[in-house]
């Protein structure tokens, strides 16, 4: 591709789609808005749980964070 074609393609993409910082800003604003209105998705974001219907009984460690211990065995002696 020539430099002119690349420039025109870049210009077309920037006019048509949200990219980079603007896209990130819009996504974070959408998440914040959902958390503010208290919809189901917003509550899941607030609790740090998976949002899109994934199971949480065995998986979802990425969203939940590291495992929390219940309490260890106490040694007597």
PDB file of N, CA and C in Angstrom:
ATOM      1  N   UNK A   1       0.844  -1.190   0.000  1.00  0.00           N
ATOM      2  CA  UNK A   1       0.000   0.000   0.000  1.00  0.00           C
ATOM      3  C   UNK A   1       0.884   1.248   0.000  1.00  0.00           C
ATOM      4  N   UNK A   2       0.391   2.256  -0.661  1.00  0.00           N
ATOM      5  CA  UNK A   2       1.144   3.506  -0.686  1.00  0.00           C
ATOM      6  C   UNK A   2       0.825   4.324   0.555  1.00  0.00           C
ATOM      7  N   UNK A   3       1.615   5.345   0.786  1.00  0.00           N
ATOM      8  CA  UNK A   3       1.389   6.209   1.949  1.00  0.00           C
ATOM      9  C   UNK A   3       0.054   6.933   1.855  1.00  0.00           C
ATOM     10  N   UNK A   4      -0.342   7.302   0.651  1.00  0.00           N
ATOM     11  CA  UNK A   4      -1.627   7.986   0.463  1.00  0.00           C
ATOM     12  C   UNK A   4      -2.792   7.064   0.805  1.00  0.00           C
ATOM     13  N   UNK A   5      -2.697   5.808   0.388  1.00  0.00           N
ATOM     14  CA  UNK A   5      -3.762   4.840   0.695  1.00  0.00           C
ATOM     15  C   UNK A   5      -3.859   4.606   2.194  1.00  0.00           C
ATOM     16  N   UNK A   6      -2.723   4.498   2.850  1.00  0.00           N
ATOM     17  CA  UNK A   6      -2.715   4.298   4.304  1.00  0.00           C
ATOM     18  C   UNK A   6      -3.322   5.501   5.004  1.00  0.00           C
ATOM     19  N   UNK A   7      -2.964   6.700   4.553  1.00  0.00           N
ATOM     20  CA  UNK A   7      -3.502   7.915   5.166  1.00  0.00           C
ATOM     21  C   UNK A   7      -5.007   8.009   4.966  1.00  0.00           C
ATOM     22  N   UNK A   8      -5.488   7.687   3.767  1.00  0.00           N
ATOM     23  CA  UNK A   8      -6.930   7.759   3.516  1.00  0.00           C
ATOM     24  C   UNK A   8      -7.673   6.701   4.316  1.00  0.00           C
ATOM     25  N   UNK A   9      -7.090   5.520   4.456  1.00  0.00           N
ATOM     26  CA  UNK A   9      -7.706   4.460   5.255  1.00  0.00           C
ATOM     27  C   UNK A   9      -7.775   4.859   6.721  1.00  0.00           C
ATOM     28  N   UNK A  10      -6.691   5.428   7.228  1.00  0.00           N
ATOM     29  CA  UNK A  10      -6.665   5.888   8.616  1.00  0.00           C
ATOM     30  C   UNK A  10      -7.722   6.970   8.847  1.00  0.00           C
ATOM     31  N   UNK A  11      -7.838   7.896   7.901  1.00  0.00           N
ATOM     32  CA  UNK A  11      -8.820   8.973   8.009  1.00  0.00           C
ATOM     33  C   UNK A  11     -10.241   8.422   8.003  1.00  0.00           C
ATOM     34  N   UNK A  12     -10.498   7.454   7.138  1.00  0.00           N
ATOM     35  CA  UNK A  12     -11.820   6.833   7.059  1.00  0.00           C
ATOM     36  C   UNK A  12     -12.172   6.137   8.371  1.00  0.00           C
ATOM     37  N   UNK A  13     -11.227   5.410   8.940  1.00  0.00           N
ATOM     38  CA  UNK A  13     -11.467   4.703  10.202  1.00  0.00           C
ATOM     39  C   UNK A  13     -11.742   5.695  11.324  1.00  0.00           C
ATOM     40  N   UNK A  14     -10.966   6.775  11.395  1.00  0.00           N
ATOM     41  CA  UNK A  14     -11.156   7.755  12.464  1.00  0.00           C
ATOM     42  C   UNK A  14     -12.488   8.478  12.346  1.00  0.00           C
ATOM     43  N   UNK A  15     -12.980   8.678  11.113  1.00  0.00           N
ATOM     44  CA  UNK A  15     -14.275   9.332  10.931  1.00  0.00           C
ATOM     45  C   UNK A  15     -15.426   8.389  11.262  1.00  0.00           C
ATOM     46  N   UNK A  16     -15.268   7.103  10.944  1.00  0.00           N
ATOM     47  CA  UNK A  16     -16.367   6.151  11.044  1.00  0.00           C
ATOM     48  C   UNK A  16     -16.499   5.532  12.431  1.00  0.00           C
ATOM     49  N   UNK A  17     -15.378   5.224  13.071  1.00  0.00           N
ATOM     50  CA  UNK A  17     -15.400   4.462  14.315  1.00  0.00           C
ATOM     51  C   UNK A  17     -14.769   5.240  15.456  1.00  0.00           C
ATOM     52  N   UNK A  18     -15.168   4.883  16.679  1.00  0.00           N
ATOM     53  CA  UNK A  18     -14.477   5.382  17.865  1.00  0.00           C
ATOM     54  C   UNK A  18     -13.227   4.536  18.065  1.00  0.00           C
ATOM     55  N   UNK A  19     -12.102   5.174  18.264  1.00  0.00           N
ATOM     56  CA  UNK A  19     -10.859   4.432  18.451  1.00  0.00           C
ATOM     57  C   UNK A  19     -10.095   4.995  19.633  1.00  0.00           C
ATOM     58  N   UNK A  20      -9.228   4.169  20.194  1.00  0.00           N
ATOM     59  CA  UNK A  20      -8.284   4.501  21.260  1.00  0.00           C
ATOM     60  C   UNK A  20      -8.937   5.192  22.447  1.00  0.00           C
ATOM     61  N   UNK A  21      -8.497   6.401  22.767  1.00  0.00           N
ATOM     62  CA  UNK A  21      -8.926   7.068  23.994  1.00  0.00           C
ATOM     63  C   UNK A  21     -10.416   7.331  24.044  1.00  0.00           C
ATOM     64  N   UNK A  22     -11.002   7.739  22.920  1.00  0.00           N
ATOM     65  CA  UNK A  22     -12.436   8.019  22.893  1.00  0.00           C
ATOM     66  C   UNK A  22     -13.244   6.758  23.167  1.00  0.00           C
ATOM     67  N   UNK A  23     -12.817   5.637  22.600  1.00  0.00           N
ATOM     68  CA  UNK A  23     -13.517   4.373  22.816  1.00  0.00           C
ATOM     69  C   UNK A  23     -13.417   3.946  24.277  1.00  0.00           C
ATOM     70  N   UNK A  24     -12.215   4.035  24.857  1.00  0.00           N
ATOM     71  CA  UNK A  24     -12.047   3.673  26.271  1.00  0.00           C
ATOM     72  C   UNK A  24     -12.906   4.555  27.165  1.00  0.00           C
ATOM     73  N   UNK A  25     -12.946   5.850  26.870  1.00  0.00           N
ATOM     74  CA  UNK A  25     -13.738   6.788  27.665  1.00  0.00           C
ATOM     75  C   UNK A  25     -15.216   6.433  27.593  1.00  0.00           C
ATOM     76  N   UNK A  26     -15.708   6.098  26.397  1.00  0.00           N
ATOM     77  CA  UNK A  26     -17.114   5.753  26.247  1.00  0.00           C
ATOM     78  C   UNK A  26     -17.453   4.470  27.003  1.00  0.00           C
ATOM     79  N   UNK A  27     -16.575   3.473  26.939  1.00  0.00           N
ATOM     80  CA  UNK A  27     -16.825   2.205  27.633  1.00  0.00           C
ATOM     81  C   UNK A  27     -16.878   2.426  29.142  1.00  0.00           C
ATOM     82  N   UNK A  28     -15.925   3.191  29.691  1.00  0.00           N
ATOM     83  CA  UNK A  28     -15.936   3.432  31.137  1.00  0.00           C
ATOM     84  C   UNK A  28     -17.144   4.261  31.549  1.00  0.00           C
ATOM     85  N   UNK A  29     -17.574   5.201  30.715  1.00  0.00           N
ATOM     86  CA  UNK A  29     -18.773   5.980  31.029  1.00  0.00           C
ATOM     87  C   UNK A  29     -20.011   5.096  31.024  1.00  0.00           C
ATOM     88  N   UNK A  30     -20.085   4.160  30.077  1.00  0.00           N
ATOM     89  CA  UNK A  30     -21.231   3.246  30.030  1.00  0.00           C
ATOM     90  C   UNK A  30     -21.279   2.373  31.277  1.00  0.00           C
ATOM     91  N   UNK A  31     -20.122   1.860  31.708  1.00  0.00           N
ATOM     92  CA  UNK A  31     -20.074   1.025  32.908  1.00  0.00           C
ATOM     93  C   UNK A  31     -20.474   1.837  34.129  1.00  0.00           C
ATOM     94  N   UNK A  32     -19.957   3.049  34.249  1.00  0.00           N
ATOM     95  CA  UNK A  32     -20.284   3.912  35.385  1.00  0.00           C
ATOM     96  C   UNK A  32     -21.776   4.241  35.400  1.00  0.00           C
ATOM     97  N   UNK A  33     -22.357   4.518  34.229  1.00  0.00           N
ATOM     98  CA  UNK A  33     -23.785   4.826  34.141  1.00  0.00           C
ATOM     99  C   UNK A  33     -24.621   3.637  34.605  1.00  0.00           C
ATOM    100  N   UNK A  34     -24.244   2.435  34.193  1.00  0.00           N
ATOM    101  CA  UNK A  34     -24.989   1.247  34.606  1.00  0.00           C
ATOM    102  C   UNK A  34     -24.869   1.014  36.104  1.00  0.00           C
ATOM    103  N   UNK A  35     -23.686   1.313  36.666  1.00  0.00           N
ATOM    104  CA  UNK A  35     -23.520   1.168  38.106  1.00  0.00           C
ATOM    105  C   UNK A  35     -24.368   2.200  38.842  1.00  0.00           C
ATOM    106  N   UNK A  36     -24.474   3.407  38.308  1.00  0.00           N
ATOM    107  CA  UNK A  36     -25.249   4.464  38.957  1.00  0.00           C
ATOM    108  C   UNK A  36     -26.742   4.177  38.945  1.00  0.00           C
ATOM    109  N   UNK A  37     -27.264   3.649  37.826  1.00  0.00           N
ATOM    110  CA  UNK A  37     -28.702   3.408  37.768  1.00  0.00           C
ATOM    111  C   UNK A  37     -29.087   2.123  38.492  1.00  0.00           C
ATOM    112  N   UNK A  38     -28.102   1.291  38.817  1.00  0.00           N
ATOM    113  CA  UNK A  38     -28.370   0.106  39.628  1.00  0.00           C
ATOM    114  C   UNK A  38     -28.969  -1.053  38.865  1.00  0.00           C
ATOM    115  N   UNK A  39     -28.716  -1.158  37.566  1.00  0.00           N
ATOM    116  CA  UNK A  39     -29.228  -2.300  36.820  1.00  0.00           C
ATOM    117  C   UNK A  39     -28.384  -3.538  37.158  1.00  0.00           C
ATOM    118  N   UNK A  40     -28.829  -4.693  36.679  1.00  0.00           N
ATOM    119  CA  UNK A  40     -28.170  -5.956  37.017  1.00  0.00           C
ATOM    120  C   UNK A  40     -26.703  -5.944  36.623  1.00  0.00           C
ATOM    121  N   UNK A  41     -26.419  -5.481  35.409  1.00  0.00           N
ATOM    122  CA  UNK A  41     -25.039  -5.450  34.927  1.00  0.00           C
ATOM    123  C   UNK A  41     -24.201  -4.527  35.800  1.00  0.00           C
ATOM    124  N   UNK A  42     -24.781  -3.387  36.193  1.00  0.00           N
ATOM    125  CA  UNK A  42     -24.066  -2.457  37.056  1.00  0.00           C
ATOM    126  C   UNK A  42     -23.757  -3.055  38.414  1.00  0.00           C
ATOM    127  N   UNK A  43     -24.695  -3.821  38.950  1.00  0.00           N
ATOM    128  CA  UNK A  43     -24.457  -4.470  40.244  1.00  0.00           C
ATOM    129  C   UNK A  43     -23.342  -5.498  40.135  1.00  0.00           C
ATOM    130  N   UNK A  44     -23.302  -6.243  39.025  1.00  0.00           N
ATOM    131  CA  UNK A  44     -22.231  -7.222  38.829  1.00  0.00           C
ATOM    132  C   UNK A  44     -20.875  -6.523  38.736  1.00  0.00           C
ATOM    133  N   UNK A  45     -20.828  -5.384  38.042  1.00  0.00           N
ATOM    134  CA  UNK A  45     -19.583  -4.619  37.963  1.00  0.00           C
ATOM    135  C   UNK A  45     -19.178  -4.137  39.351  1.00  0.00           C
ATOM    136  N   UNK A  46     -20.141  -3.666  40.111  1.00  0.00           N
ATOM    137  CA  UNK A  46     -19.852  -3.129  41.442  1.00  0.00           C
ATOM    138  C   UNK A  46     -19.295  -4.206  42.371  1.00  0.00           C
ATOM    139  N   UNK A  47     -19.833  -5.425  42.263  1.00  0.00           N
ATOM    140  CA  UNK A  47     -19.372  -6.522  43.120  1.00  0.00           C
ATOM    141  C   UNK A  47     -18.115  -7.199  42.592  1.00  0.00           C
ATOM    142  N   UNK A  48     -17.713  -6.864  41.374  1.00  0.00           N
ATOM    143  CA  UNK A  48     -16.516  -7.465  40.793  1.00  0.00           C
ATOM    144  C   UNK A  48     -16.733  -8.887  40.316  1.00  0.00           C
ATOM    145  N   UNK A  49     -17.946  -9.198  39.903  1.00  0.00           N
ATOM    146  CA  UNK A  49     -18.284 -10.533  39.421  1.00  0.00           C
ATOM    147  C   UNK A  49     -18.414 -10.519  37.900  1.00  0.00           C
ATOM    148  N   UNK A  50     -18.430 -11.695  37.253  1.00  0.00           N
ATOM    149  CA  UNK A  50     -18.609 -11.723  35.803  1.00  0.00           C
ATOM    150  C   UNK A  50     -19.950 -11.111  35.405  1.00  0.00           C
ATOM    151  N   UNK A  51     -19.968 -10.438  34.275  1.00  0.00           N
ATOM    152  CA  UNK A  51     -21.133  -9.669  33.870  1.00  0.00           C
ATOM    153  C   UNK A  51     -21.975 -10.412  32.843  1.00  0.00           C
ATOM    154  N   UNK A  52     -21.357 -11.221  32.004  1.00  0.00           N
ATOM    155  CA  UNK A  52     -22.049 -11.752  30.832  1.00  0.00           C
ATOM    156  C   UNK A  52     -22.585 -13.162  31.011  1.00  0.00           C
ATOM    157  N   UNK A  53     -22.989 -13.536  32.205  1.00  0.00           N
ATOM    158  CA  UNK A  53     -23.666 -14.806  32.413  1.00  0.00           C
ATOM    159  C   UNK A  53     -22.773 -15.999  32.635  1.00  0.00           C
ATOM    160  N   UNK A  54     -21.485 -15.780  32.885  1.00  0.00           N
ATOM    161  CA  UNK A  54     -20.606 -16.915  33.117  1.00  0.00           C
ATOM    162  C   UNK A  54     -20.895 -17.527  34.484  1.00  0.00           C
ATOM    163  N   UNK A  55     -20.496 -18.789  34.651  1.00  0.00           N
ATOM    164  CA  UNK A  55     -20.700 -19.445  35.933  1.00  0.00           C
ATOM    165  C   UNK A  55     -19.685 -18.940  36.938  1.00  0.00           C
ATOM    166  N   UNK A  56     -20.069 -18.940  38.201  1.00  0.00           N
ATOM    167  CA  UNK A  56     -19.165 -18.445  39.240  1.00  0.00           C
ATOM    168  C   UNK A  56     -18.892 -19.479  40.317  1.00  0.00           C
ATOM    169  N   UNK A  57     -19.535 -20.643  40.229  1.00  0.00           N
ATOM    170  CA  UNK A  57     -19.305 -21.642  41.272  1.00  0.00           C
ATOM    171  C   UNK A  57     -17.873 -22.159  41.231  1.00  0.00           C
ATOM    172  N   UNK A  58     -17.366 -22.454  40.031  1.00  0.00           N
ATOM    173  CA  UNK A  58     -16.022 -23.013  39.952  1.00  0.00           C
ATOM    174  C   UNK A  58     -15.033 -22.093  39.251  1.00  0.00           C
ATOM    175  N   UNK A  59     -15.481 -21.267  38.340  1.00  0.00           N
ATOM    176  CA  UNK A  59     -14.554 -20.428  37.585  1.00  0.00           C
ATOM    177  C   UNK A  59     -14.637 -18.981  38.051  1.00  0.00           C
ATOM    178  N   UNK A  60     -14.298 -18.044  37.233  1.00  0.00           N
ATOM    179  CA  UNK A  60     -14.375 -16.601  37.498  1.00  0.00           C
ATOM    180  C   UNK A  60     -13.310 -16.120  38.461  1.00  0.00           C
ATOM    181  N   UNK A  61     -12.168 -16.796  38.527  1.00  0.00           N
ATOM    182  CA  UNK A  61     -11.103 -16.351  39.434  1.00  0.00           C
ATOM    183  C   UNK A  61     -10.495 -15.026  38.968  1.00  0.00           C
ATOM    184  N   UNK A  62     -10.516 -14.770  37.678  1.00  0.00           N
ATOM    185  CA  UNK A  62      -9.941 -13.522  37.183  1.00  0.00           C
ATOM    186  C   UNK A  62     -10.737 -12.338  37.702  1.00  0.00           C
ATOM    187  N   UNK A  63     -12.054 -12.414  37.646  1.00  0.00           N
ATOM    188  CA  UNK A  63     -12.897 -11.314  38.100  1.00  0.00           C
ATOM    189  C   UNK A  63     -12.937 -11.233  39.625  1.00  0.00           C
ATOM    190  N   UNK A  64     -12.973 -12.393  40.293  1.00  0.00           N
ATOM    191  CA  UNK A  64     -13.113 -12.405  41.748  1.00  0.00           C
ATOM    192  C   UNK A  64     -11.816 -12.100  42.473  1.00  0.00           C
ATOM    193  N   UNK A  65     -10.691 -12.415  41.861  1.00  0.00           N
ATOM    194  CA  UNK A  65      -9.408 -12.230  42.523  1.00  0.00           C
ATOM    195  C   UNK A  65      -8.951 -13.532  43.149  1.00  0.00           C
ATOM    196  N   UNK A  66      -7.842 -13.502  43.884  1.00  0.00           N
ATOM    197  CA  UNK A  66      -7.330 -14.738  44.481  1.00  0.00           C
ATOM    198  C   UNK A  66      -8.276 -15.304  45.534  1.00  0.00           C
ATOM    199  N   UNK A  67      -8.135 -16.619  45.757  1.00  0.00           N
ATOM    200  CA  UNK A  67      -9.002 -17.290  46.728  1.00  0.00           C
ATOM    201  C   UNK A  67      -8.771 -16.745  48.123  1.00  0.00           C
ATOM    202  N   UNK A  68      -9.847 -16.668  48.881  1.00  0.00           N
ATOM    203  CA  UNK A  68      -9.762 -16.229  50.269  1.00  0.00           C
ATOM    204  C   UNK A  68      -9.926 -17.461  51.157  1.00  0.00           C
ATOM    205  N   UNK A  69      -9.023 -17.653  52.083  1.00  0.00           N
ATOM    206  CA  UNK A  69      -9.101 -18.812  52.964  1.00  0.00           C
ATOM    207  C   UNK A  69     -10.238 -18.678  53.955  1.00  0.00           C
ATOM    208  N   UNK A  70     -10.800 -19.817  54.345  1.00  0.00           N
ATOM    209  CA  UNK A  70     -11.905 -19.817  55.296  1.00  0.00           C
ATOM    210  C   UNK A  70     -11.378 -19.750  56.723  1.00  0.00           C
ATOM    211  N   UNK A  71     -10.202 -20.241  56.927  1.00  0.00           N
ATOM    212  CA  UNK A  71      -9.610 -20.298  58.261  1.00  0.00           C
ATOM    213  C   UNK A  71      -8.893 -21.616  58.374  1.00  0.00           C
ATOM    214  N   UNK A  72      -7.685 -21.579  58.814  1.00  0.00           N
ATOM    215  CA  UNK A  72      -6.887 -22.792  58.819  1.00  0.00           C
ATOM    216  C   UNK A  72      -7.158 -23.666  60.026  1.00  0.00           C
ATOM    217  N   UNK A  73      -6.546 -24.848  60.023  1.00  0.00           N
ATOM    218  CA  UNK A  73      -6.619 -25.741  61.171  1.00  0.00           C
ATOM    219  C   UNK A  73      -5.792 -25.159  62.298  1.00  0.00           C
ATOM    220  N   UNK A  74      -6.313 -25.213  63.485  1.00  0.00           N
ATOM    221  CA  UNK A  74      -5.542 -24.729  64.627  1.00  0.00           C
ATOM    222  C   UNK A  74      -4.734 -25.883  65.197  1.00  0.00           C
ATOM    223  N   UNK A  75      -3.471 -25.641  65.410  1.00  0.00           N
ATOM    224  CA  UNK A  75      -2.611 -26.686  65.950  1.00  0.00           C
ATOM    225  C   UNK A  75      -2.692 -26.657  67.470  1.00  0.00           C
ATOM    226  N   UNK A  76      -2.881 -27.819  68.051  1.00  0.00           N
ATOM    227  CA  UNK A  76      -2.881 -27.923  69.514  1.00  0.00           C
ATOM    228  C   UNK A  76      -1.604 -28.625  69.927  1.00  0.00           C
ATOM    229  N   UNK A  77      -0.999 -28.098  70.941  1.00  0.00           N
ATOM    230  CA  UNK A  77       0.195 -28.813  71.319  1.00  0.00           C
ATOM    231  C   UNK A  77       1.062 -28.074  72.186  1.00  0.00           C
TER     232      UNK A  77
END
